[in-house]
Amino acid sequence: MYTEQALADLVRIRAGRRDAATREAGRYDSRFKQWDERASVRRKPRRVLESQDPETLYFPPELLPVVSHPLVRARGPEVVRRLLVYRLYDYLHFTTDLEEIAVMPVATRISRGRAGLHLPEKMRADAFKIVTDEAWHAQFSYDLIRQVEEGTGIAWQDGDLPAFVPRLDAIRVRLPEHLRGAEGLLFSVVSETLISSILADVPRDHRLPQAVRELVRDHAEDEGRHHVYFRTVLHHFWPALGTSAQRAIGPYLPEIILAFLEPDYRAVARSLRRIGHGAAEIEQILAESWPNARVARDAAKAARCVIKYLAEVGSLDDPQTAEAFAAAGLVS
């Protein structure tokens, strides 16, 4: 079993296509040349939560629409603050699982030359650095959860897996067997090119504890390098697939993007239950806080960057793929 796993490629791609894709992708310009001087794992200290005012906000309320819902606001400002602590826990837990379940396995395969691609040696070397970065991001996110628990007295419930996990499972089972694994690589491209922009304003939000702001800044600075790297991975991967495989997986690209961007309704529902809302109220709060039109609009705005990159490699040239993007509301 271990030998088979060690030798298995993430995606099965014919050697001729891999080589041609590498030639088309051109020269690799590494953004990790000064990694030892710039990576947060190398130069940034552990972020320590200091004593906070009881009215401190732990997450921007603008990024959690349910806290503006009348049924939630009627429970008072202390309940709203508690929900924002829960949301911080969910974000940090999401980050830990994103790194350990999704990104690190892909970067590890790349570092071992087992992604199914023929990548420049420098890209393999940089993949090791990405694995190190992501392990640190997972560690410091978990560490901050424990610090906030101690500082606020509000317990974290280590509950369900983040929603992206079952969403990716649902995509994988519908792919042709020889393409399974491609959804994981593409999800890494999506998450690594979008994550640094999603919370771009948090480091400047002085309503939040300094440790929270600095941790998000540390993460974003590292992800800026990862963004460029995974854009390059896409330029190797998509051409290497060949036309038939591109047509097979292309219509699933919107689902892969939404697996990352769509709200984690189960996590929010769990938090609403913890503050006393029943099932009917939770359903109402979620539906009215995230109407379908708003979710589609927000996702389309957040996804512009990765959609641009997918268009660069010709992903949207296929009519069925373009139709799937339009149906998902990601392009007009």
C-alpha atoms as a PDB file:
ATOM      1  CA  MET A   1       0.000   0.000   0.000  1.00  0.00           C
ATOM      2  CA  TYR A   2       2.703   2.492   0.963  1.00  0.00           C
ATOM      3  CA  THR A   3       4.732   1.814  -2.175  1.00  0.00           C
ATOM      4  CA  GLU A   4       1.642   2.212  -4.355  1.00  0.00           C
ATOM      5  CA  GLN A   5       0.723   5.501  -2.684  1.00  0.00           C
ATOM      6  CA  ALA A   6       4.285   6.788  -2.883  1.00  0.00           C
ATOM      7  CA  LEU A   7       4.505   6.132  -6.623  1.00  0.00           C
ATOM      8  CA  ALA A   8       0.989   7.213  -7.613  1.00  0.00           C
ATOM      9  CA  ASP A   9       0.559  10.487  -9.491  1.00  0.00           C
ATOM     10  CA  LEU A  10      -2.103  12.942  -8.355  1.00  0.00           C
ATOM     11  CA  VAL A  11      -3.464  13.147 -11.920  1.00  0.00           C
ATOM     12  CA  ARG A  12      -2.712  10.701 -14.741  1.00  0.00           C
ATOM     13  CA  ILE A  13      -1.490  12.662 -17.767  1.00  0.00           C
ATOM     14  CA  ARG A  14       0.340  11.337 -20.821  1.00  0.00           C
ATOM     15  CA  ALA A  15       4.060  12.166 -20.835  1.00  0.00           C
ATOM     16  CA  GLY A  16       3.967  13.800 -24.256  1.00  0.00           C
ATOM     17  CA  ARG A  17       1.294  16.237 -23.151  1.00  0.00           C
ATOM     18  CA  ARG A  18       3.171  17.047 -19.950  1.00  0.00           C
ATOM     19  CA  ASP A  19       6.332  17.887 -21.879  1.00  0.00           C
ATOM     20  CA  ALA A  20       4.471  20.007 -24.425  1.00  0.00           C
ATOM     21  CA  ALA A  21       2.672  21.900 -21.658  1.00  0.00           C
ATOM     22  CA  THR A  22       5.978  22.629 -19.926  1.00  0.00           C
ATOM     23  CA  ARG A  23       7.415  24.072 -23.125  1.00  0.00           C
ATOM     24  CA  GLU A  24       4.314  26.221 -23.657  1.00  0.00           C
ATOM     25  CA  ALA A  25       4.337  27.486 -20.054  1.00  0.00           C
ATOM     26  CA  GLY A  26       7.780  29.024 -20.561  1.00  0.00           C
ATOM     27  CA  ARG A  27      10.368  30.058 -18.020  1.00  0.00           C
ATOM     28  CA  TYR A  28       9.540  29.835 -14.315  1.00  0.00           C
ATOM     29  CA  ASP A  29      10.332  32.973 -12.320  1.00  0.00           C
ATOM     30  CA  SER A  30      10.413  31.935  -8.651  1.00  0.00           C
ATOM     31  CA  ARG A  31       8.971  34.267  -6.018  1.00  0.00           C
ATOM     32  CA  PHE A  32      10.702  32.281  -3.274  1.00  0.00           C
ATOM     33  CA  LYS A  33      14.269  33.493  -3.832  1.00  0.00           C
ATOM     34  CA  GLN A  34      14.178  35.443  -0.550  1.00  0.00           C
ATOM     35  CA  TRP A  35      11.929  33.005   1.264  1.00  0.00           C
ATOM     36  CA  ASP A  36      14.277  32.642   4.245  1.00  0.00           C
ATOM     37  CA  GLU A  37      14.151  36.403   4.804  1.00  0.00           C
ATOM     38  CA  ARG A  38      10.426  36.884   4.103  1.00  0.00           C
ATOM     39  CA  ALA A  39       8.409  33.795   5.056  1.00  0.00           C
ATOM     40  CA  SER A  40       6.393  34.227   8.244  1.00  0.00           C
ATOM     41  CA  VAL A  41       7.594  30.854   9.541  1.00  0.00           C
ATOM     42  CA  ARG A  42      11.175  32.146   9.295  1.00  0.00           C
ATOM     43  CA  ARG A  43      10.918  35.732  10.525  1.00  0.00           C
ATOM     44  CA  LYS A  44       7.581  36.479  12.241  1.00  0.00           C
ATOM     45  CA  PRO A  45       6.988  35.899  15.956  1.00  0.00           C
ATOM     46  CA  ARG A  46       4.156  33.910  17.455  1.00  0.00           C
ATOM     47  CA  ARG A  47       1.123  36.184  17.624  1.00  0.00           C
ATOM     48  CA  VAL A  48       0.025  36.490  21.250  1.00  0.00           C
ATOM     49  CA  LEU A  49      -3.456  37.631  22.229  1.00  0.00           C
ATOM     50  CA  GLU A  50      -3.325  40.346  24.861  1.00  0.00           C
ATOM     51  CA  SER A  51      -6.055  41.106  27.383  1.00  0.00           C
ATOM     52  CA  GLN A  52      -9.051  42.595  25.561  1.00  0.00           C
ATOM     53  CA  ASP A  53     -11.890  44.938  26.419  1.00  0.00           C
ATOM     54  CA  PRO A  54     -15.133  42.934  26.886  1.00  0.00           C
ATOM     55  CA  GLU A  55     -16.664  44.802  23.930  1.00  0.00           C
ATOM     56  CA  THR A  56     -13.864  43.906  21.511  1.00  0.00           C
ATOM     57  CA  LEU A  57     -14.980  42.503  18.165  1.00  0.00           C
ATOM     58  CA  TYR A  58     -13.122  39.382  17.058  1.00  0.00           C
ATOM     59  CA  PHE A  59     -14.293  39.330  13.436  1.00  0.00           C
ATOM     60  CA  PRO A  60     -15.610  42.041  11.093  1.00  0.00           C
ATOM     61  CA  PRO A  61     -19.426  42.004  11.388  1.00  0.00           C
ATOM     62  CA  GLU A  62     -19.698  43.096   7.751  1.00  0.00           C
ATOM     63  CA  LEU A  63     -18.317  39.681   6.754  1.00  0.00           C
ATOM     64  CA  LEU A  64     -20.991  37.774   8.699  1.00  0.00           C
ATOM     65  CA  PRO A  65     -24.410  38.952   7.450  1.00  0.00           C
ATOM     66  CA  VAL A  66     -26.403  36.969  10.023  1.00  0.00           C
ATOM     67  CA  VAL A  67     -25.349  39.357  12.809  1.00  0.00           C
ATOM     68  CA  SER A  68     -27.428  42.081  11.125  1.00  0.00           C
ATOM     69  CA  HIS A  69     -30.558  39.938  10.994  1.00  0.00           C
ATOM     70  CA  PRO A  70     -33.368  41.240  13.268  1.00  0.00           C
ATOM     71  CA  LEU A  71     -33.803  37.874  14.987  1.00  0.00           C
ATOM     72  CA  VAL A  72     -30.128  37.881  15.955  1.00  0.00           C
ATOM     73  CA  ARG A  73     -29.892  41.558  16.878  1.00  0.00           C
ATOM     74  CA  ALA A  74     -32.927  41.165  19.135  1.00  0.00           C
ATOM     75  CA  ARG A  75     -30.801  38.991  21.401  1.00  0.00           C
ATOM     76  CA  GLY A  76     -28.501  41.895  22.190  1.00  0.00           C
ATOM     77  CA  PRO A  77     -24.952  43.068  21.458  1.00  0.00           C
ATOM     78  CA  GLU A  78     -23.308  40.460  23.676  1.00  0.00           C
ATOM     79  CA  VAL A  79     -24.822  37.669  21.585  1.00  0.00           C
ATOM     80  CA  VAL A  80     -23.594  39.393  18.413  1.00  0.00           C
ATOM     81  CA  ARG A  81     -20.071  39.568  19.851  1.00  0.00           C
ATOM     82  CA  ARG A  82     -20.258  35.885  20.772  1.00  0.00           C
ATOM     83  CA  LEU A  83     -21.292  35.005  17.211  1.00  0.00           C
ATOM     84  CA  LEU A  84     -18.283  36.926  15.908  1.00  0.00           C
ATOM     85  CA  VAL A  85     -16.008  34.884  18.175  1.00  0.00           C
ATOM     86  CA  TYR A  86     -17.582  31.715  16.788  1.00  0.00           C
ATOM     87  CA  ARG A  87     -16.987  33.049  13.271  1.00  0.00           C
ATOM     88  CA  LEU A  88     -13.312  33.656  14.069  1.00  0.00           C
ATOM     89  CA  TYR A  89     -13.076  30.074  15.324  1.00  0.00           C
ATOM     90  CA  ASP A  90     -14.677  28.831  12.096  1.00  0.00           C
ATOM     91  CA  TYR A  91     -12.278  30.877   9.965  1.00  0.00           C
ATOM     92  CA  LEU A  92      -9.226  29.609  11.861  1.00  0.00           C
ATOM     93  CA  HIS A  93     -10.491  26.018  11.806  1.00  0.00           C
ATOM     94  CA  PHE A  94     -11.213  26.379   8.081  1.00  0.00           C
ATOM     95  CA  THR A  95      -7.658  27.617   7.544  1.00  0.00           C
ATOM     96  CA  THR A  96      -6.160  24.692   9.445  1.00  0.00           C
ATOM     97  CA  ASP A  97      -8.182  22.134   7.494  1.00  0.00           C
ATOM     98  CA  LEU A  98      -7.705  23.923   4.167  1.00  0.00           C
ATOM     99  CA  GLU A  99      -3.952  23.704   4.572  1.00  0.00           C
ATOM    100  CA  GLU A 100      -3.783  20.158   5.937  1.00  0.00           C
ATOM    101  CA  ILE A 101      -6.535  18.486   3.902  1.00  0.00           C
ATOM    102  CA  ALA A 102      -6.392  20.347   0.587  1.00  0.00           C
ATOM    103  CA  VAL A 103      -3.254  22.364  -0.121  1.00  0.00           C
ATOM    104  CA  MET A 104      -0.432  20.513   1.627  1.00  0.00           C
ATOM    105  CA  PRO A 105      -1.218  17.140  -0.008  1.00  0.00           C
ATOM    106  CA  VAL A 106      -1.102  18.765  -3.461  1.00  0.00           C
ATOM    107  CA  ALA A 107       2.078  20.717  -2.714  1.00  0.00           C
ATOM    108  CA  THR A 108       3.644  17.553  -1.279  1.00  0.00           C
ATOM    109  CA  ARG A 109       2.881  15.619  -4.473  1.00  0.00           C
ATOM    110  CA  ILE A 110       4.427  18.435  -6.509  1.00  0.00           C
ATOM    111  CA  SER A 111       7.548  18.440  -4.328  1.00  0.00           C
ATOM    112  CA  ARG A 112       7.921  14.687  -4.848  1.00  0.00           C
ATOM    113  CA  GLY A 113       7.419  14.916  -8.602  1.00  0.00           C
ATOM    114  CA  ARG A 114       4.124  13.041  -8.284  1.00  0.00           C
ATOM    115  CA  ALA A 115       1.568  15.617  -9.401  1.00  0.00           C
ATOM    116  CA  GLY A 116       1.404  14.090 -12.874  1.00  0.00           C
ATOM    117  CA  LEU A 117       3.104  17.147 -14.364  1.00  0.00           C
ATOM    118  CA  HIS A 118       6.564  17.776 -15.769  1.00  0.00           C
ATOM    119  CA  LEU A 119       7.531  20.875 -13.779  1.00  0.00           C
ATOM    120  CA  PRO A 120      10.825  22.776 -13.646  1.00  0.00           C
ATOM    121  CA  GLU A 121      13.121  21.729 -10.812  1.00  0.00           C
ATOM    122  CA  LYS A 122      12.746  25.141  -9.170  1.00  0.00           C
ATOM    123  CA  MET A 123       8.990  24.600  -8.931  1.00  0.00           C
ATOM    124  CA  ARG A 124       9.534  21.313  -7.127  1.00  0.00           C
ATOM    125  CA  ALA A 125      11.951  23.023  -4.735  1.00  0.00           C
ATOM    126  CA  ASP A 126       9.478  25.837  -4.074  1.00  0.00           C
ATOM    127  CA  ALA A 127       6.723  23.309  -3.354  1.00  0.00           C
ATOM    128  CA  PHE A 128       8.689  22.204  -0.264  1.00  0.00           C
ATOM    129  CA  LYS A 129       8.611  25.807   0.946  1.00  0.00           C
ATOM    130  CA  ILE A 130       4.882  25.999   0.365  1.00  0.00           C
ATOM    131  CA  VAL A 131       4.355  22.859   2.451  1.00  0.00           C
ATOM    132  CA  THR A 132       6.380  24.463   5.252  1.00  0.00           C
ATOM    133  CA  ASP A 133       4.416  27.716   4.980  1.00  0.00           C
ATOM    134  CA  GLU A 134       1.081  25.932   5.045  1.00  0.00           C
ATOM    135  CA  ALA A 135       1.996  23.798   8.048  1.00  0.00           C
ATOM    136  CA  TRP A 136       2.853  27.001   9.899  1.00  0.00           C
ATOM    137  CA  HIS A 137      -0.443  28.606   8.866  1.00  0.00           C
ATOM    138  CA  ALA A 138      -2.317  25.581  10.190  1.00  0.00           C
ATOM    139  CA  GLN A 139      -0.334  25.651  13.429  1.00  0.00           C
ATOM    140  CA  PHE A 140      -0.710  29.349  14.149  1.00  0.00           C
ATOM    141  CA  SER A 141      -4.439  29.217  13.361  1.00  0.00           C
ATOM    142  CA  TYR A 142      -4.965  26.383  15.831  1.00  0.00           C
ATOM    143  CA  ASP A 143      -2.813  28.190  18.387  1.00  0.00           C
ATOM    144  CA  LEU A 144      -4.894  31.365  18.130  1.00  0.00           C
ATOM    145  CA  ILE A 145      -8.123  29.413  18.629  1.00  0.00           C
ATOM    146  CA  ARG A 146      -6.784  28.184  21.952  1.00  0.00           C
ATOM    147  CA  GLN A 147      -5.637  31.665  22.948  1.00  0.00           C
ATOM    148  CA  VAL A 148      -9.037  33.202  22.161  1.00  0.00           C
ATOM    149  CA  GLU A 149     -10.762  30.429  24.108  1.00  0.00           C
ATOM    150  CA  GLU A 150      -8.647  31.225  27.138  1.00  0.00           C
ATOM    151  CA  GLY A 151      -9.014  34.983  26.741  1.00  0.00           C
ATOM    152  CA  THR A 152     -12.781  35.076  26.219  1.00  0.00           C
ATOM    153  CA  GLY A 153     -13.959  32.025  28.117  1.00  0.00           C
ATOM    154  CA  ILE A 154     -15.960  31.088  25.003  1.00  0.00           C
ATOM    155  CA  ALA A 155     -15.402  27.446  24.114  1.00  0.00           C
ATOM    156  CA  TRP A 156     -14.573  26.288  20.608  1.00  0.00           C
ATOM    157  CA  GLN A 157     -16.518  23.261  19.412  1.00  0.00           C
ATOM    158  CA  ASP A 158     -14.397  21.152  17.088  1.00  0.00           C
ATOM    159  CA  GLY A 159     -17.333  20.073  14.977  1.00  0.00           C
ATOM    160  CA  ASP A 160     -17.873  19.174  11.356  1.00  0.00           C
ATOM    161  CA  LEU A 161     -15.318  19.398   8.615  1.00  0.00           C
ATOM    162  CA  PRO A 162     -15.477  22.685   6.688  1.00  0.00           C
ATOM    163  CA  ALA A 163     -18.020  22.642   3.866  1.00  0.00           C
ATOM    164  CA  PHE A 164     -15.391  22.535   1.128  1.00  0.00           C
ATOM    165  CA  VAL A 165     -14.561  18.919   2.053  1.00  0.00           C
ATOM    166  CA  PRO A 166     -17.952  17.300   1.293  1.00  0.00           C
ATOM    167  CA  ARG A 167     -18.360  19.661  -1.667  1.00  0.00           C
ATOM    168  CA  LEU A 168     -15.129  18.334  -3.186  1.00  0.00           C
ATOM    169  CA  ASP A 169     -16.208  14.760  -2.444  1.00  0.00           C
ATOM    170  CA  ALA A 170     -19.428  15.391  -4.374  1.00  0.00           C
ATOM    171  CA  ILE A 171     -17.441  16.649  -7.365  1.00  0.00           C
ATOM    172  CA  ARG A 172     -14.877  13.857  -7.290  1.00  0.00           C
ATOM    173  CA  VAL A 173     -17.386  10.996  -7.463  1.00  0.00           C
ATOM    174  CA  ARG A 174     -18.853  12.432 -10.687  1.00  0.00           C
ATOM    175  CA  LEU A 175     -15.517  12.745 -12.477  1.00  0.00           C
ATOM    176  CA  PRO A 176     -14.207  10.012 -14.779  1.00  0.00           C
ATOM    177  CA  GLU A 177     -11.971   7.764 -12.707  1.00  0.00           C
ATOM    178  CA  HIS A 178      -8.799   8.726 -14.587  1.00  0.00           C
ATOM    179  CA  LEU A 179      -9.404  12.414 -13.761  1.00  0.00           C
ATOM    180  CA  ARG A 180      -9.997  11.991 -10.041  1.00  0.00           C
ATOM    181  CA  GLY A 181      -7.379  14.045  -8.275  1.00  0.00           C
ATOM    182  CA  ALA A 182      -7.700  16.892 -10.756  1.00  0.00           C
ATOM    183  CA  GLU A 183     -10.400  18.465  -8.583  1.00  0.00           C
ATOM    184  CA  GLY A 184      -7.914  18.669  -5.701  1.00  0.00           C
ATOM    185  CA  LEU A 185      -5.231  20.313  -7.799  1.00  0.00           C
ATOM    186  CA  LEU A 186      -7.716  22.793  -9.270  1.00  0.00           C
ATOM    187  CA  PHE A 187      -9.141  23.537  -5.821  1.00  0.00           C
ATOM    188  CA  SER A 188      -5.625  24.370  -4.639  1.00  0.00           C
ATOM    189  CA  VAL A 189      -5.252  26.745  -7.588  1.00  0.00           C
ATOM    190  CA  VAL A 190      -8.563  28.385  -6.661  1.00  0.00           C
ATOM    191  CA  SER A 191      -7.910  28.680  -2.931  1.00  0.00           C
ATOM    192  CA  GLU A 192      -4.302  29.812  -3.248  1.00  0.00           C
ATOM    193  CA  THR A 193      -5.112  32.521  -5.788  1.00  0.00           C
ATOM    194  CA  LEU A 194      -8.157  33.846  -3.903  1.00  0.00           C
ATOM    195  CA  ILE A 195      -7.518  33.478  -0.174  1.00  0.00           C
ATOM    196  CA  SER A 196      -5.202  36.470   0.213  1.00  0.00           C
ATOM    197  CA  SER A 197      -7.834  38.849  -1.176  1.00  0.00           C
ATOM    198  CA  ILE A 198     -10.846  37.581   0.768  1.00  0.00           C
ATOM    199  CA  LEU A 199      -9.758  39.094   4.087  1.00  0.00           C
ATOM    200  CA  ALA A 200      -7.579  41.840   2.634  1.00  0.00           C
ATOM    201  CA  ASP A 201      -9.089  44.543   4.856  1.00  0.00           C
ATOM    202  CA  VAL A 202      -8.797  42.637   8.145  1.00  0.00           C
ATOM    203  CA  PRO A 203      -5.203  43.699   8.997  1.00  0.00           C
ATOM    204  CA  ARG A 204      -6.351  47.350   8.878  1.00  0.00           C
ATOM    205  CA  ASP A 205      -9.472  46.825  10.995  1.00  0.00           C
ATOM    206  CA  HIS A 206      -8.512  48.229  14.389  1.00  0.00           C
ATOM    207  CA  ARG A 207     -11.740  47.034  15.978  1.00  0.00           C
ATOM    208  CA  LEU A 208     -10.091  43.599  16.082  1.00  0.00           C
ATOM    209  CA  PRO A 209      -7.375  42.391  18.468  1.00  0.00           C
ATOM    210  CA  GLN A 210      -3.857  43.075  17.256  1.00  0.00           C
ATOM    211  CA  ALA A 211      -2.988  39.366  17.279  1.00  0.00           C
ATOM    212  CA  VAL A 212      -5.867  38.604  14.906  1.00  0.00           C
ATOM    213  CA  ARG A 213      -4.884  41.399  12.534  1.00  0.00           C
ATOM    214  CA  GLU A 214      -1.222  40.404  12.506  1.00  0.00           C
ATOM    215  CA  LEU A 215      -1.968  36.716  11.978  1.00  0.00           C
ATOM    216  CA  VAL A 216      -4.152  37.478   8.963  1.00  0.00           C
ATOM    217  CA  ARG A 217      -1.448  39.805   7.608  1.00  0.00           C
ATOM    218  CA  ASP A 218       1.234  37.121   8.050  1.00  0.00           C
ATOM    219  CA  HIS A 219      -0.941  34.629   6.204  1.00  0.00           C
ATOM    220  CA  ALA A 220      -1.745  37.035   3.372  1.00  0.00           C
ATOM    221  CA  GLU A 221       1.901  37.953   2.797  1.00  0.00           C
ATOM    222  CA  ASP A 222       2.862  34.295   2.391  1.00  0.00           C
ATOM    223  CA  GLU A 223      -0.133  33.605   0.179  1.00  0.00           C
ATOM    224  CA  GLY A 224       0.931  36.368  -2.182  1.00  0.00           C
ATOM    225  CA  ARG A 225       3.875  34.159  -3.192  1.00  0.00           C
ATOM    226  CA  HIS A 226       1.661  31.076  -3.352  1.00  0.00           C
ATOM    227  CA  HIS A 227      -0.776  32.955  -5.599  1.00  0.00           C
ATOM    228  CA  VAL A 228       1.871  33.466  -8.282  1.00  0.00           C
ATOM    229  CA  TYR A 229       3.080  29.877  -7.924  1.00  0.00           C
ATOM    230  CA  PHE A 230      -0.309  28.241  -8.392  1.00  0.00           C
ATOM    231  CA  ARG A 231      -1.139  30.487 -11.319  1.00  0.00           C
ATOM    232  CA  THR A 232       1.963  28.992 -12.928  1.00  0.00           C
ATOM    233  CA  VAL A 233       0.841  25.470 -11.966  1.00  0.00           C
ATOM    234  CA  LEU A 234      -2.414  26.119 -13.822  1.00  0.00           C
ATOM    235  CA  HIS A 235      -0.474  27.116 -16.939  1.00  0.00           C
ATOM    236  CA  HIS A 236       1.279  23.727 -16.827  1.00  0.00           C
ATOM    237  CA  PHE A 237      -1.742  21.666 -15.831  1.00  0.00           C
ATOM    238  CA  TRP A 238      -4.543  22.764 -18.132  1.00  0.00           C
ATOM    239  CA  PRO A 239      -2.704  22.368 -21.469  1.00  0.00           C
ATOM    240  CA  ALA A 240      -1.335  19.004 -20.294  1.00  0.00           C
ATOM    241  CA  LEU A 241      -4.852  17.593 -19.881  1.00  0.00           C
ATOM    242  CA  GLY A 242      -5.659  17.522 -23.573  1.00  0.00           C
ATOM    243  CA  THR A 243      -8.958  18.477 -25.188  1.00  0.00           C
ATOM    244  CA  SER A 244     -11.115  15.528 -24.101  1.00  0.00           C
ATOM    245  CA  ALA A 245     -10.072  15.770 -20.438  1.00  0.00           C
ATOM    246  CA  GLN A 246     -10.516  19.547 -20.496  1.00  0.00           C
ATOM    247  CA  ARG A 247     -14.062  19.097 -21.777  1.00  0.00           C
ATOM    248  CA  ALA A 248     -14.764  16.474 -19.120  1.00  0.00           C
ATOM    249  CA  ILE A 249     -13.623  18.533 -16.143  1.00  0.00           C
ATOM    250  CA  GLY A 250     -14.297  22.067 -17.408  1.00  0.00           C
ATOM    251  CA  PRO A 251     -18.016  22.132 -16.508  1.00  0.00           C
ATOM    252  CA  TYR A 252     -17.074  21.302 -12.896  1.00  0.00           C
ATOM    253  CA  LEU A 253     -14.826  24.356 -12.537  1.00  0.00           C
ATOM    254  CA  PRO A 254     -17.656  26.604 -11.244  1.00  0.00           C
ATOM    255  CA  GLU A 255     -18.470  24.024  -8.561  1.00  0.00           C
ATOM    256  CA  ILE A 256     -14.809  23.867  -7.549  1.00  0.00           C
ATOM    257  CA  ILE A 257     -14.729  27.661  -7.224  1.00  0.00           C
ATOM    258  CA  LEU A 258     -17.966  27.713  -5.222  1.00  0.00           C
ATOM    259  CA  ALA A 259     -16.707  24.897  -2.994  1.00  0.00           C
ATOM    260  CA  PHE A 260     -14.239  27.488  -1.737  1.00  0.00           C
ATOM    261  CA  LEU A 261     -16.297  30.684  -1.907  1.00  0.00           C
ATOM    262  CA  GLU A 262     -19.846  29.730  -0.941  1.00  0.00           C
ATOM    263  CA  PRO A 263     -20.675  30.309   2.744  1.00  0.00           C
ATOM    264  CA  ASP A 264     -20.398  27.382   5.126  1.00  0.00           C
ATOM    265  CA  TYR A 265     -24.066  27.303   6.082  1.00  0.00           C
ATOM    266  CA  ARG A 266     -23.701  24.323   8.422  1.00  0.00           C
ATOM    267  CA  ALA A 267     -21.035  26.075  10.475  1.00  0.00           C
ATOM    268  CA  VAL A 268     -23.155  29.215  10.818  1.00  0.00           C
ATOM    269  CA  ALA A 269     -26.230  27.139  11.671  1.00  0.00           C
ATOM    270  CA  ARG A 270     -24.246  25.443  14.419  1.00  0.00           C
ATOM    271  CA  SER A 271     -23.308  28.838  15.873  1.00  0.00           C
ATOM    272  CA  LEU A 272     -26.919  30.038  15.708  1.00  0.00           C
ATOM    273  CA  ARG A 273     -28.030  26.926  17.604  1.00  0.00           C
ATOM    274  CA  ARG A 274     -25.459  27.686  20.286  1.00  0.00           C
ATOM    275  CA  ILE A 275     -27.040  31.095  20.951  1.00  0.00           C
ATOM    276  CA  GLY A 276     -30.519  29.592  21.231  1.00  0.00           C
ATOM    277  CA  HIS A 277     -32.160  29.736  17.812  1.00  0.00           C
ATOM    278  CA  GLY A 278     -34.351  26.836  16.766  1.00  0.00           C
ATOM    279  CA  ALA A 279     -34.414  25.088  13.404  1.00  0.00           C
ATOM    280  CA  ALA A 280     -37.131  27.255  11.835  1.00  0.00           C
ATOM    281  CA  GLU A 281     -35.448  30.497  12.878  1.00  0.00           C
ATOM    282  CA  ILE A 282     -32.059  29.278  11.672  1.00  0.00           C
ATOM    283  CA  GLU A 283     -33.503  28.424   8.262  1.00  0.00           C
ATOM    284  CA  GLN A 284     -35.086  31.884   8.054  1.00  0.00           C
ATOM    285  CA  ILE A 285     -31.928  33.715   9.180  1.00  0.00           C
ATOM    286  CA  LEU A 286     -29.722  31.883   6.687  1.00  0.00           C
ATOM    287  CA  ALA A 287     -32.130  32.346   3.772  1.00  0.00           C
ATOM    288  CA  GLU A 288     -32.615  36.053   4.438  1.00  0.00           C
ATOM    289  CA  SER A 289     -28.946  36.763   5.192  1.00  0.00           C
ATOM    290  CA  TRP A 290     -27.650  34.929   2.116  1.00  0.00           C
ATOM    291  CA  PRO A 291     -30.268  35.087  -0.656  1.00  0.00           C
ATOM    292  CA  ASN A 292     -29.166  33.201  -3.750  1.00  0.00           C
ATOM    293  CA  ALA A 293     -28.667  36.384  -5.756  1.00  0.00           C
ATOM    294  CA  ARG A 294     -26.327  37.813  -3.124  1.00  0.00           C
ATOM    295  CA  VAL A 295     -24.284  34.615  -2.883  1.00  0.00           C
ATOM    296  CA  ALA A 296     -23.877  34.495  -6.661  1.00  0.00           C
ATOM    297  CA  ARG A 297     -22.982  38.191  -6.857  1.00  0.00           C
ATOM    298  CA  ASP A 298     -20.414  37.979  -4.059  1.00  0.00           C
ATOM    299  CA  ALA A 299     -18.864  34.814  -5.488  1.00  0.00           C
ATOM    300  CA  ALA A 300     -18.600  36.302  -8.980  1.00  0.00           C
ATOM    301  CA  LYS A 301     -16.841  39.360  -7.586  1.00  0.00           C
ATOM    302  CA  ALA A 302     -14.446  37.320  -5.428  1.00  0.00           C
ATOM    303  CA  ALA A 303     -13.673  34.863  -8.240  1.00  0.00           C
ATOM    304  CA  ARG A 304     -12.731  37.396 -10.929  1.00  0.00           C
ATOM    305  CA  CYS A 305      -9.033  36.782 -10.514  1.00  0.00           C
ATOM    306  CA  VAL A 306      -9.101  33.002 -10.894  1.00  0.00           C
ATOM    307  CA  ILE A 307     -11.660  33.199 -13.713  1.00  0.00           C
ATOM    308  CA  LYS A 308      -9.230  35.481 -15.534  1.00  0.00           C
ATOM    309  CA  TYR A 309      -6.470  32.891 -15.073  1.00  0.00           C
ATOM    310  CA  LEU A 310      -8.734  30.090 -16.290  1.00  0.00           C
ATOM    311  CA  ALA A 311      -9.572  32.157 -19.358  1.00  0.00           C
ATOM    312  CA  GLU A 312      -5.848  32.692 -19.982  1.00  0.00           C
ATOM    313  CA  VAL A 313      -5.316  28.959 -20.407  1.00  0.00           C
ATOM    314  CA  GLY A 314      -8.427  28.540 -22.555  1.00  0.00           C
ATOM    315  CA  SER A 315     -10.685  26.842 -20.004  1.00  0.00           C
ATOM    316  CA  LEU A 316     -13.704  28.936 -20.952  1.00  0.00           C
ATOM    317  CA  ASP A 317     -13.289  28.313 -24.692  1.00  0.00           C
ATOM    318  CA  ASP A 318     -15.315  25.122 -24.377  1.00  0.00           C
ATOM    319  CA  PRO A 319     -19.046  25.961 -24.825  1.00  0.00           C
ATOM    320  CA  GLN A 320     -20.253  23.590 -22.082  1.00  0.00           C
ATOM    321  CA  THR A 321     -17.738  25.021 -19.618  1.00  0.00           C
ATOM    322  CA  ALA A 322     -18.716  28.587 -20.505  1.00  0.00           C
ATOM    323  CA  GLU A 323     -22.378  27.634 -20.088  1.00  0.00           C
ATOM    324  CA  ALA A 324     -21.663  26.174 -16.637  1.00  0.00           C
ATOM    325  CA  PHE A 325     -19.979  29.410 -15.539  1.00  0.00           C
ATOM    326  CA  ALA A 326     -22.952  31.435 -16.765  1.00  0.00           C
ATOM    327  CA  ALA A 327     -25.444  29.099 -15.063  1.00  0.00           C
ATOM    328  CA  ALA A 328     -23.542  29.462 -11.776  1.00  0.00           C
ATOM    329  CA  GLY A 329     -23.694  33.248 -12.075  1.00  0.00           C
ATOM    330  CA  LEU A 330     -19.911  33.553 -12.155  1.00  0.00           C
ATOM    331  CA  VAL A 331     -19.840  35.240 -15.563  1.00  0.00           C
ATOM    332  CA  SER A 332     -22.471  37.289 -17.341  1.00  0.00           C
END
